[in-house]
Amino acid sequence: MPLPAPAIAAAFLLHPCHVPGIDAEVKCGTYSVPEDRAHPEGRQIPLNVVVLPSRAAKPAPDPLFVVSYGGPGTTNSESAPNAWNLWWRDARDVVLVDLRGTSGPSRLDCDTPGASDLDNLFPPEAMRRCREALSKKADLTQYTTASSVDDLDEVRAAMGYDQINLWGGSWGTRAELIYLRRHPQHLRSAILEGVAPTMMKNPLTHAKAAQRALDLLFDDCAAQPSCKAAFPDVRREFADLMKRLHERPAEVTLKDPATGADAKVQLTWQRFAEALRVYTYSLPRQRDVPRLIHRAASGDLLPFAEAAAQSNRGLRGALRFGNLLSITCTEDLSRILPGEIERESKDTYLGDSRVREQLAACEDWPRGPLEPTYGDPVVSAVPVFLLSGTQDPVTPPSFGAETAKTLSRSVHVVAPGTHVPAGPCIDSMEKAFLEKADPRAVDQRCVKKMTLPPLPAP
């Protein structure tokens, strides 16, 4: 239930501030929303708001709101230094709002003391303790995408904007689509990078997407003379390695990043597979996978383990796992039908391990309301730019193509890359799109000049 306009205006003031990583003055504020939006008199959630002023002398009247960099569970304000340096600020202000559950007293973190960077994402006992701890300070059924985008729209109104533009990456694209469904009249345009459509059931689709990306990488290696000469049997080596890990976990010794002490870690096939999947999100890391697999298949698993631990550490540090579970347990895993797990994980290196692990974490996690039509395609005439990477291991191009079918004023760009491609070509297309709010302004000719970096030899 939205507040009356006078109450909104009185409730929110921005003030000059400095944020870490930006050597200039920006604007900050805190806007409170009811945890249960149906009962505004109840517990309140303070949302951090950071406004990065435009470089333009006269900024456009419609700012760019950053919905989310991914997850779910990322904290938008932590990405302010990155947004500060982007082209986004050339013509308009950039607004970052921390979604409910990602910062402040409502931050829904799950601590896993003593866990290694290669451990499973959702250890059962740790998730039980997390659920019990968080339930004492939050109604976990209220941390949904619908509530988050309704919060965002209330902040929009509080700032006095009639229309805004949205940018989101990965899961942030899902939030954009829900906003598009709930508040289309206030949306001038939207940019979706690494499209996670409403029909996607996170993480049910991870196994097939990861397998597709790895197969394409192996094909690349076979097509490049230097990679083929260095790793002629990398596909077979990978299959043999997974077979050995299925039969018996490997043991590796890693240094604790905090203490420097050595710690022995069991590298099960499940941990290896999930770590590999996450590692292939990054294009520079993905290009090193043939070498790491070759070393691992030869018996030296340490290079992969060290690289994967660092990769996992970055991902886990960026996510509030209580927030992730509150959203995905309600909106994704609850929609998985009998037989789908077997069908979607068949003949994949990841198998059903990740989805069953997350299902177990969701078993007793409180679930919020979900509309029966949640997974239906979002139909809209709002201008939308969709971006997919050719070798994306989590949101493949087919997701963007399917989403674009019901967005009548959209353009879907498929560029060489992994999860969320980047570079001057992408920037030029998105900038042209945002300036006109028109997909016809997008010139895709530069995409044909984009190439994946060569695969390194030993």
Protein backbone atom coordinates (compact mmCIF):
# COMPACT_ATOMS: atom_id res chain seq x y z
CA MET A 1 0.00 0.00 0.00
CA PRO A 2 1.74 3.23 -1.13
CA LEU A 3 1.94 6.23 1.18
CA PRO A 4 0.24 9.52 0.22
CA ALA A 5 2.51 11.86 -1.77
CA PRO A 6 2.94 14.48 1.03
CA ALA A 7 3.97 11.76 3.49
CA ILE A 8 6.47 10.37 1.00
CA ALA A 9 8.06 13.76 0.37
CA ALA A 10 8.36 14.46 4.09
CA ALA A 11 9.91 11.08 4.80
CA PHE A 12 12.93 11.33 2.54
CA LEU A 13 15.80 13.80 2.34
CA LEU A 14 19.12 13.43 0.54
CA HIS A 15 22.30 14.96 1.91
CA PRO A 16 25.88 15.41 0.62
CA CYS A 17 28.11 12.49 1.54
CA HIS A 18 31.25 10.55 0.64
CA VAL A 19 31.28 6.83 -0.03
CA PRO A 20 34.35 4.57 -0.05
CA GLY A 21 36.02 4.35 -3.44
CA ILE A 22 34.71 7.67 -4.79
CA ASP A 23 36.88 10.76 -4.35
CA ALA A 24 34.02 13.20 -4.78
CA GLU A 25 30.85 14.28 -3.10
CA VAL A 26 27.68 12.35 -3.87
CA LYS A 27 24.25 12.29 -2.24
CA CYS A 28 22.99 9.79 0.31
CA GLY A 29 19.78 9.14 2.16
CA THR A 30 17.75 6.52 3.97
CA TYR A 31 14.20 5.72 3.04
CA SER A 32 12.11 3.43 5.24
CA VAL A 33 9.49 1.03 3.93
CA PRO A 34 7.20 -1.34 5.83
CA GLU A 35 8.49 -4.90 5.99
CA ASP A 36 4.94 -6.10 5.36
CA ARG A 37 3.66 -3.73 2.72
CA ALA A 38 0.07 -4.78 3.47
CA HIS A 39 0.51 -3.46 7.04
CA PRO A 40 2.46 -0.17 6.82
CA GLU A 41 2.14 0.40 10.57
CA GLY A 42 4.43 -2.53 11.31
CA ARG A 43 8.19 -3.05 11.35
CA GLN A 44 10.11 -0.70 9.06
CA ILE A 45 13.11 -1.45 6.81
CA PRO A 46 15.58 1.37 6.16
CA LEU A 47 16.87 1.35 2.58
CA ASN A 48 20.19 3.02 1.81
CA VAL A 49 20.03 5.30 -1.23
CA VAL A 50 23.08 6.66 -3.07
CA VAL A 51 22.74 9.17 -5.91
CA LEU A 52 25.70 9.63 -8.25
CA PRO A 53 25.35 13.03 -9.94
CA SER A 54 25.55 13.26 -13.69
CA ARG A 55 28.56 14.69 -15.50
CA ALA A 56 26.14 16.76 -17.59
CA ALA A 57 25.49 20.42 -16.72
CA LYS A 58 21.79 19.76 -17.25
CA PRO A 59 21.02 16.09 -16.53
CA ALA A 60 18.14 14.32 -18.23
CA PRO A 61 14.97 14.36 -16.10
CA ASP A 62 14.78 10.57 -15.96
CA PRO A 63 17.65 9.00 -13.96
CA LEU A 64 19.06 5.51 -14.32
CA PHE A 65 18.10 3.30 -11.37
CA VAL A 66 20.33 0.28 -10.76
CA VAL A 67 18.01 -2.58 -9.80
CA SER A 68 20.65 -5.17 -8.91
CA TYR A 69 24.00 -6.47 -10.07
CA GLY A 70 22.88 -10.06 -9.53
CA GLY A 71 22.28 -12.72 -6.95
CA PRO A 72 19.70 -12.30 -5.63
CA GLY A 73 21.38 -10.84 -2.58
CA THR A 74 23.88 -8.24 -3.80
CA THR A 75 24.13 -4.87 -2.05
CA ASN A 76 23.77 -2.13 -4.66
CA SER A 77 25.54 0.63 -2.72
CA GLU A 78 28.70 -1.50 -2.59
CA SER A 79 28.91 -1.11 -6.37
CA ALA A 80 28.85 2.70 -6.31
CA PRO A 81 32.58 3.04 -7.21
CA ASN A 82 32.05 0.89 -10.31
CA ALA A 83 28.96 2.83 -11.38
CA TRP A 84 30.78 6.13 -10.78
CA ASN A 85 33.25 5.41 -13.56
CA LEU A 86 30.77 4.18 -16.17
CA TRP A 87 29.20 6.06 -19.07
CA TRP A 88 25.87 5.90 -17.23
CA ARG A 89 26.56 9.31 -15.65
CA ASP A 90 27.24 11.07 -18.96
CA ALA A 91 23.68 12.38 -19.34
CA ARG A 92 21.73 11.53 -16.17
CA ASP A 93 22.00 10.86 -12.47
CA VAL A 94 22.48 7.26 -11.33
CA VAL A 95 20.48 6.03 -8.34
CA LEU A 96 21.45 2.98 -6.30
CA VAL A 97 18.91 1.71 -3.78
CA ASP A 98 19.82 -1.18 -1.49
CA LEU A 99 16.98 -3.67 -1.87
CA ARG A 100 15.33 -5.02 1.27
CA GLY A 101 17.40 -7.66 3.00
CA THR A 102 20.75 -6.55 1.56
CA SER A 103 22.01 -3.90 4.00
CA GLY A 104 21.44 -2.26 7.37
CA PRO A 105 19.46 -3.97 10.12
CA SER A 106 17.50 -6.01 7.56
CA ARG A 107 20.69 -7.48 6.04
CA LEU A 108 20.00 -11.21 5.70
CA ASP A 109 23.44 -12.77 5.89
CA CYS A 110 24.11 -16.42 6.64
CA ASP A 111 27.36 -16.94 8.55
CA THR A 112 29.13 -20.26 8.06
CA PRO A 113 32.02 -20.14 10.54
CA GLY A 114 34.84 -22.55 9.82
CA ALA A 115 33.66 -23.30 6.28
CA SER A 116 36.23 -23.37 3.49
CA ASP A 117 35.85 -21.50 0.22
CA LEU A 118 35.27 -24.84 -1.54
CA ASP A 119 32.50 -26.02 0.77
CA ASN A 120 28.93 -26.45 -0.43
CA LEU A 121 26.89 -23.26 -0.68
CA PHE A 122 24.11 -24.41 1.64
CA PRO A 123 25.44 -26.63 4.46
CA PRO A 124 22.26 -28.03 6.11
CA GLU A 125 23.14 -27.31 9.74
CA ALA A 126 24.46 -23.84 8.94
CA MET A 127 21.29 -23.02 6.99
CA ARG A 128 19.13 -24.21 9.89
CA ARG A 129 21.02 -21.94 12.30
CA CYS A 130 20.80 -19.08 9.82
CA ARG A 131 17.06 -19.48 9.42
CA GLU A 132 16.52 -19.51 13.16
CA ALA A 133 18.73 -16.45 13.72
CA LEU A 134 17.23 -14.37 10.93
CA SER A 135 13.65 -15.26 11.88
CA LYS A 136 14.20 -13.44 15.19
CA LYS A 137 14.71 -10.11 13.43
CA ALA A 138 12.82 -10.47 10.16
CA ASP A 139 9.66 -11.95 8.68
CA LEU A 140 11.40 -13.96 5.97
CA THR A 141 8.18 -14.34 3.98
CA GLN A 142 8.26 -10.62 3.15
CA TYR A 143 11.58 -10.60 1.31
CA THR A 144 10.36 -11.18 -2.22
CA THR A 145 11.08 -9.62 -5.59
CA ALA A 146 7.60 -8.08 -5.75
CA SER A 147 8.08 -6.31 -2.43
CA SER A 148 11.57 -5.21 -3.45
CA VAL A 149 10.44 -3.57 -6.69
CA ASP A 150 7.47 -1.99 -4.93
CA ASP A 151 9.97 -0.49 -2.49
CA LEU A 152 12.00 0.75 -5.44
CA ASP A 153 8.99 2.37 -7.01
CA GLU A 154 8.16 4.09 -3.72
CA VAL A 155 11.68 5.52 -3.61
CA ARG A 156 11.16 6.74 -7.17
CA ALA A 157 8.02 8.57 -6.09
CA ALA A 158 9.74 9.97 -3.01
CA MET A 159 12.46 11.46 -5.22
CA GLY A 160 9.86 13.14 -7.40
CA TYR A 161 10.48 11.23 -10.63
CA ASP A 162 7.55 10.34 -12.87
CA GLN A 163 9.59 8.06 -15.11
CA ILE A 164 12.93 6.30 -14.68
CA ASN A 165 15.22 3.97 -16.61
CA LEU A 166 16.34 0.66 -15.16
CA TRP A 167 19.59 -1.29 -15.45
CA GLY A 168 20.04 -4.79 -14.06
CA GLY A 169 22.43 -7.68 -14.48
CA SER A 170 21.80 -11.40 -14.00
CA TRP A 171 19.10 -11.79 -11.31
CA GLY A 172 18.66 -8.03 -11.52
CA THR A 173 17.01 -8.59 -14.90
CA ARG A 174 14.36 -10.72 -13.18
CA ALA A 175 13.66 -7.84 -10.82
CA GLU A 176 13.41 -5.49 -13.80
CA LEU A 177 10.86 -7.76 -15.46
CA ILE A 178 8.77 -7.86 -12.28
CA TYR A 179 8.99 -4.06 -12.06
CA LEU A 180 7.96 -3.86 -15.71
CA ARG A 181 4.95 -6.00 -14.91
CA ARG A 182 3.92 -4.05 -11.78
CA HIS A 183 4.86 -0.44 -12.58
CA PRO A 184 5.09 -0.04 -16.38
CA GLN A 185 3.71 3.52 -16.38
CA HIS A 186 6.80 4.76 -14.55
CA LEU A 187 9.35 3.09 -16.79
CA ARG A 188 10.89 4.95 -19.74
CA SER A 189 13.27 2.12 -20.72
CA ALA A 190 15.14 -0.88 -19.33
CA ILE A 191 18.53 -2.50 -19.97
CA LEU A 192 18.77 -6.21 -19.13
CA GLU A 193 22.23 -7.84 -19.11
CA GLY A 194 22.37 -11.63 -18.71
CA VAL A 195 18.63 -12.24 -18.86
CA ALA A 196 16.98 -14.32 -16.11
CA PRO A 197 13.38 -14.63 -17.36
CA THR A 198 10.39 -15.31 -15.15
CA MET A 199 10.07 -18.81 -16.59
CA MET A 200 13.58 -19.66 -15.31
CA LYS A 201 13.55 -21.74 -12.12
CA ASN A 202 16.79 -20.89 -10.36
CA PRO A 203 18.89 -23.10 -9.97
CA LEU A 204 17.07 -25.82 -11.94
CA THR A 205 18.46 -24.53 -15.24
CA HIS A 206 22.06 -24.21 -14.04
CA ALA A 207 23.17 -27.70 -15.04
CA LYS A 208 22.22 -27.49 -18.73
CA ALA A 209 23.46 -23.93 -19.09
CA ALA A 210 26.81 -24.78 -17.52
CA GLN A 211 27.21 -27.90 -19.67
CA ARG A 212 26.44 -25.95 -22.84
CA ALA A 213 29.04 -23.31 -21.98
CA LEU A 214 31.71 -25.91 -21.19
CA ASP A 215 31.03 -27.78 -24.43
CA LEU A 216 31.44 -24.56 -26.39
CA LEU A 217 34.71 -23.87 -24.59
CA PHE A 218 36.02 -27.31 -25.49
CA ASP A 219 34.95 -26.69 -29.09
CA ASP A 220 36.92 -23.43 -29.03
CA CYS A 221 40.00 -25.27 -27.80
CA ALA A 222 39.70 -27.86 -30.55
CA ALA A 223 39.42 -25.09 -33.16
CA GLN A 224 42.48 -23.15 -31.99
CA PRO A 225 45.76 -24.81 -33.08
CA SER A 226 47.77 -23.74 -30.02
CA CYS A 227 45.11 -24.91 -27.54
CA LYS A 228 44.50 -28.12 -29.46
CA ALA A 229 48.23 -28.86 -29.52
CA ALA A 230 48.61 -28.18 -25.79
CA PHE A 231 45.44 -29.96 -24.66
CA PRO A 232 44.39 -32.37 -27.43
CA ASP A 233 42.30 -34.56 -25.14
CA VAL A 234 40.87 -32.00 -22.71
CA ARG A 235 37.28 -33.22 -23.15
CA ARG A 236 38.30 -36.80 -22.33
CA GLU A 237 40.54 -35.60 -19.51
CA PHE A 238 37.60 -33.79 -17.98
CA ALA A 239 35.38 -36.87 -18.21
CA ASP A 240 38.08 -39.04 -16.62
CA LEU A 241 38.64 -36.49 -13.85
CA MET A 242 34.94 -36.34 -13.00
CA LYS A 243 34.79 -40.14 -12.97
CA ARG A 244 37.66 -40.29 -10.47
CA LEU A 245 36.09 -37.64 -8.26
CA HIS A 246 32.78 -39.51 -8.31
CA GLU A 247 34.64 -42.62 -7.13
CA ARG A 248 36.74 -40.88 -4.52
CA PRO A 249 37.12 -37.24 -3.42
CA ALA A 250 40.52 -35.63 -3.75
CA GLU A 251 42.28 -33.86 -0.90
CA VAL A 252 43.96 -30.50 -1.38
CA THR A 253 45.79 -28.23 1.03
CA LEU A 254 44.85 -24.57 0.85
CA LYS A 255 46.03 -21.61 2.87
CA ASP A 256 43.43 -19.86 4.99
CA PRO A 257 43.21 -16.33 3.50
CA ALA A 258 42.74 -14.81 6.96
CA THR A 259 45.41 -16.67 8.96
CA GLY A 260 47.73 -18.08 6.32
CA ALA A 261 47.53 -21.49 7.99
CA ASP A 262 47.34 -24.65 5.90
CA ALA A 263 44.00 -26.43 5.81
CA LYS A 264 43.15 -29.75 4.17
CA VAL A 265 39.97 -29.67 2.10
CA GLN A 266 38.01 -32.55 0.61
CA LEU A 267 37.28 -31.82 -3.03
CA THR A 268 34.21 -33.89 -3.84
CA TRP A 269 32.84 -34.06 -7.36
CA GLN A 270 29.95 -31.83 -6.28
CA ARG A 271 32.29 -29.15 -4.94
CA PHE A 272 34.49 -29.37 -8.01
CA ALA A 273 31.52 -29.10 -10.39
CA GLU A 274 29.91 -26.13 -8.65
CA ALA A 275 33.26 -24.34 -8.34
CA LEU A 276 33.90 -24.88 -12.05
CA ARG A 277 30.45 -23.55 -12.94
CA VAL A 278 31.01 -20.36 -10.95
CA TYR A 279 34.56 -20.01 -12.30
CA THR A 280 33.30 -19.89 -15.88
CA TYR A 281 31.16 -16.79 -15.19
CA SER A 282 34.25 -14.62 -15.72
CA LEU A 283 35.65 -14.53 -19.26
CA PRO A 284 39.34 -14.23 -18.25
CA ARG A 285 38.96 -17.14 -15.85
CA GLN A 286 36.97 -19.22 -18.30
CA ARG A 287 39.76 -19.02 -20.86
CA ASP A 288 42.14 -20.68 -18.40
CA VAL A 289 39.88 -23.68 -17.78
CA PRO A 290 41.49 -26.08 -20.33
CA ARG A 291 44.88 -25.59 -18.65
CA LEU A 292 43.45 -26.08 -15.16
CA ILE A 293 41.56 -29.22 -16.21
CA HIS A 294 44.68 -30.63 -17.86
CA ARG A 295 46.67 -30.07 -14.67
CA ALA A 296 43.91 -31.56 -12.52
CA ALA A 297 43.54 -34.60 -14.78
CA SER A 298 47.29 -35.16 -14.47
CA GLY A 299 46.91 -35.33 -10.70
CA ASP A 300 47.69 -31.73 -9.74
CA LEU A 301 44.40 -30.31 -8.46
CA LEU A 302 45.98 -27.50 -6.48
CA PRO A 303 45.99 -24.85 -9.26
CA PHE A 304 42.27 -25.35 -9.85
CA ALA A 305 41.48 -25.49 -6.14
CA GLU A 306 43.33 -22.25 -5.42
CA ALA A 307 41.76 -20.43 -8.37
CA ALA A 308 38.28 -21.78 -7.60
CA ALA A 309 38.56 -20.87 -3.91
CA GLN A 310 39.35 -17.28 -4.84
CA SER A 311 36.46 -17.21 -7.32
CA ASN A 312 34.02 -18.65 -4.77
CA ARG A 313 35.22 -16.21 -2.10
CA GLY A 314 34.37 -13.26 -4.33
CA LEU A 315 30.90 -14.55 -5.15
CA ARG A 316 30.00 -15.52 -1.60
CA GLY A 317 31.23 -12.23 -0.22
CA ALA A 318 28.93 -10.36 -2.60
CA LEU A 319 25.73 -12.23 -1.66
CA ARG A 320 23.41 -12.08 1.33
CA PHE A 321 22.40 -15.75 1.39
CA GLY A 322 19.37 -15.30 3.63
CA ASN A 323 17.99 -12.86 1.10
CA LEU A 324 18.81 -15.26 -1.73
CA LEU A 325 16.95 -18.11 -0.05
CA SER A 326 13.93 -15.99 0.87
CA ILE A 327 13.53 -15.07 -2.81
CA THR A 328 14.45 -18.32 -4.56
CA CYS A 329 12.65 -20.65 -2.15
CA THR A 330 9.43 -18.73 -2.76
CA GLU A 331 9.78 -17.82 -6.42
CA ASP A 332 11.88 -20.51 -8.07
CA LEU A 333 12.25 -23.79 -6.24
CA SER A 334 8.56 -23.86 -5.28
CA ARG A 335 7.73 -24.04 -9.00
CA ILE A 336 9.86 -27.11 -9.76
CA LEU A 337 7.62 -29.94 -10.94
CA PRO A 338 8.08 -33.70 -10.46
CA GLY A 339 10.53 -35.11 -12.96
CA GLU A 340 12.03 -31.76 -13.92
CA ILE A 341 15.22 -32.19 -11.92
CA GLU A 342 16.07 -35.49 -13.60
CA ARG A 343 15.28 -34.11 -17.05
CA GLU A 344 17.15 -30.83 -16.63
CA SER A 345 20.28 -32.36 -15.06
CA LYS A 346 20.64 -35.41 -17.32
CA ASP A 347 24.02 -35.75 -19.06
CA THR A 348 25.53 -32.70 -17.35
CA TYR A 349 28.68 -32.46 -15.27
CA LEU A 350 26.84 -30.56 -12.52
CA GLY A 351 24.11 -33.15 -12.28
CA ASP A 352 21.37 -32.57 -9.73
CA SER A 353 23.73 -31.68 -6.88
CA ARG A 354 23.20 -27.91 -6.75
CA VAL A 355 19.43 -27.93 -7.16
CA ARG A 356 18.91 -30.68 -4.56
CA GLU A 357 21.22 -28.92 -2.12
CA GLN A 358 19.23 -25.71 -2.47
CA LEU A 359 15.95 -27.61 -2.25
CA ALA A 360 17.08 -29.04 1.08
CA ALA A 361 17.88 -25.53 2.35
CA CYS A 362 14.41 -24.40 1.24
CA GLU A 363 12.57 -27.27 2.91
CA ASP A 364 11.95 -25.36 6.16
CA TRP A 365 12.64 -21.84 4.91
CA PRO A 366 9.57 -19.58 5.28
CA ARG A 367 7.95 -18.84 1.94
CA GLY A 368 6.10 -15.73 0.90
CA PRO A 369 3.14 -15.29 -1.43
CA LEU A 370 3.50 -16.06 -5.12
CA GLU A 371 1.08 -15.19 -7.87
CA PRO A 372 0.05 -18.20 -10.01
CA THR A 373 1.08 -16.30 -13.14
CA TYR A 374 4.56 -15.43 -11.82
CA GLY A 375 6.36 -17.56 -14.43
CA ASP A 376 4.35 -16.28 -17.38
CA PRO A 377 6.18 -14.17 -19.99
CA VAL A 378 6.20 -10.44 -19.28
CA VAL A 379 4.28 -8.61 -22.02
CA SER A 380 5.15 -4.96 -22.56
CA ALA A 381 5.67 -2.18 -25.11
CA VAL A 382 8.25 -0.37 -22.95
CA PRO A 383 11.60 -0.08 -24.80
CA VAL A 384 13.98 -2.81 -23.62
CA PHE A 385 17.60 -3.65 -24.49
CA LEU A 386 18.54 -7.28 -23.78
CA LEU A 387 22.12 -8.57 -23.75
CA SER A 388 23.35 -12.17 -23.78
CA GLY A 389 26.80 -13.75 -23.89
CA THR A 390 27.50 -16.52 -26.39
CA GLN A 391 29.11 -18.76 -23.74
CA ASP A 392 27.14 -17.69 -20.67
CA PRO A 393 27.11 -20.59 -18.16
CA VAL A 394 23.97 -19.47 -16.31
CA THR A 395 21.76 -17.25 -18.53
CA PRO A 396 22.29 -18.50 -22.10
CA PRO A 397 21.16 -16.54 -25.18
CA SER A 398 17.99 -18.61 -25.44
CA PHE A 399 16.75 -16.92 -22.25
CA GLY A 400 17.11 -13.48 -23.80
CA ALA A 401 15.53 -14.59 -27.06
CA GLU A 402 12.52 -16.08 -25.30
CA THR A 403 12.05 -12.98 -23.15
CA ALA A 404 12.23 -10.65 -26.14
CA LYS A 405 9.33 -12.40 -27.88
CA THR A 406 6.75 -10.65 -25.71
CA LEU A 407 8.53 -7.29 -25.48
CA SER A 408 7.28 -5.59 -28.61
CA ARG A 409 9.81 -2.72 -28.52
CA SER A 410 12.96 -4.63 -27.68
CA VAL A 411 16.32 -5.51 -29.18
CA HIS A 412 18.25 -8.63 -28.17
CA VAL A 413 22.01 -8.49 -28.66
CA VAL A 414 24.09 -11.68 -28.46
CA ALA A 415 27.76 -10.81 -28.08
CA PRO A 416 30.90 -12.94 -27.68
CA GLY A 417 31.43 -13.51 -23.97
CA THR A 418 30.40 -15.34 -20.87
CA HIS A 419 28.09 -13.96 -18.16
CA VAL A 420 27.28 -10.33 -19.06
CA PRO A 421 29.69 -9.33 -21.85
CA ALA A 422 31.32 -5.91 -21.62
CA GLY A 423 33.42 -3.52 -23.66
CA PRO A 424 33.23 -0.40 -25.83
CA CYS A 425 30.86 -2.00 -28.33
CA ILE A 426 28.35 -2.89 -25.61
CA ASP A 427 28.68 0.58 -24.08
CA SER A 428 28.04 2.29 -27.42
CA MET A 429 24.88 0.28 -28.09
CA GLU A 430 23.44 0.76 -24.62
CA LYS A 431 24.26 4.47 -24.63
CA ALA A 432 22.49 4.94 -27.97
CA PHE A 433 19.51 2.96 -26.74
CA LEU A 434 19.22 4.90 -23.48
CA GLU A 435 19.53 8.28 -25.20
CA LYS A 436 16.55 7.64 -27.48
CA ALA A 437 14.73 4.97 -25.46
CA ASP A 438 14.37 3.25 -28.80
CA PRO A 439 15.71 -0.16 -29.87
CA ARG A 440 15.98 1.15 -33.44
CA ALA A 441 18.84 3.40 -32.28
CA VAL A 442 21.02 0.36 -31.60
CA ASP A 443 23.69 -0.29 -34.23
CA GLN A 444 24.89 -3.87 -33.83
CA ARG A 445 27.59 -3.80 -36.49
CA CYS A 446 30.36 -3.54 -33.90
CA VAL A 447 29.32 -6.91 -32.44
CA LYS A 448 30.66 -8.63 -35.55
CA LYS A 449 34.10 -7.25 -34.71
CA MET A 450 34.04 -8.58 -31.13
CA THR A 451 36.02 -11.77 -30.54
CA LEU A 452 36.76 -13.99 -27.60
CA PRO A 453 40.35 -13.77 -26.37
CA PRO A 454 42.56 -16.69 -27.42
CA LEU A 455 42.81 -19.67 -25.12
CA PRO A 456 46.19 -19.72 -23.39
CA ALA A 457 48.64 -22.59 -23.77
CA PRO A 458 50.65 -23.92 -20.80
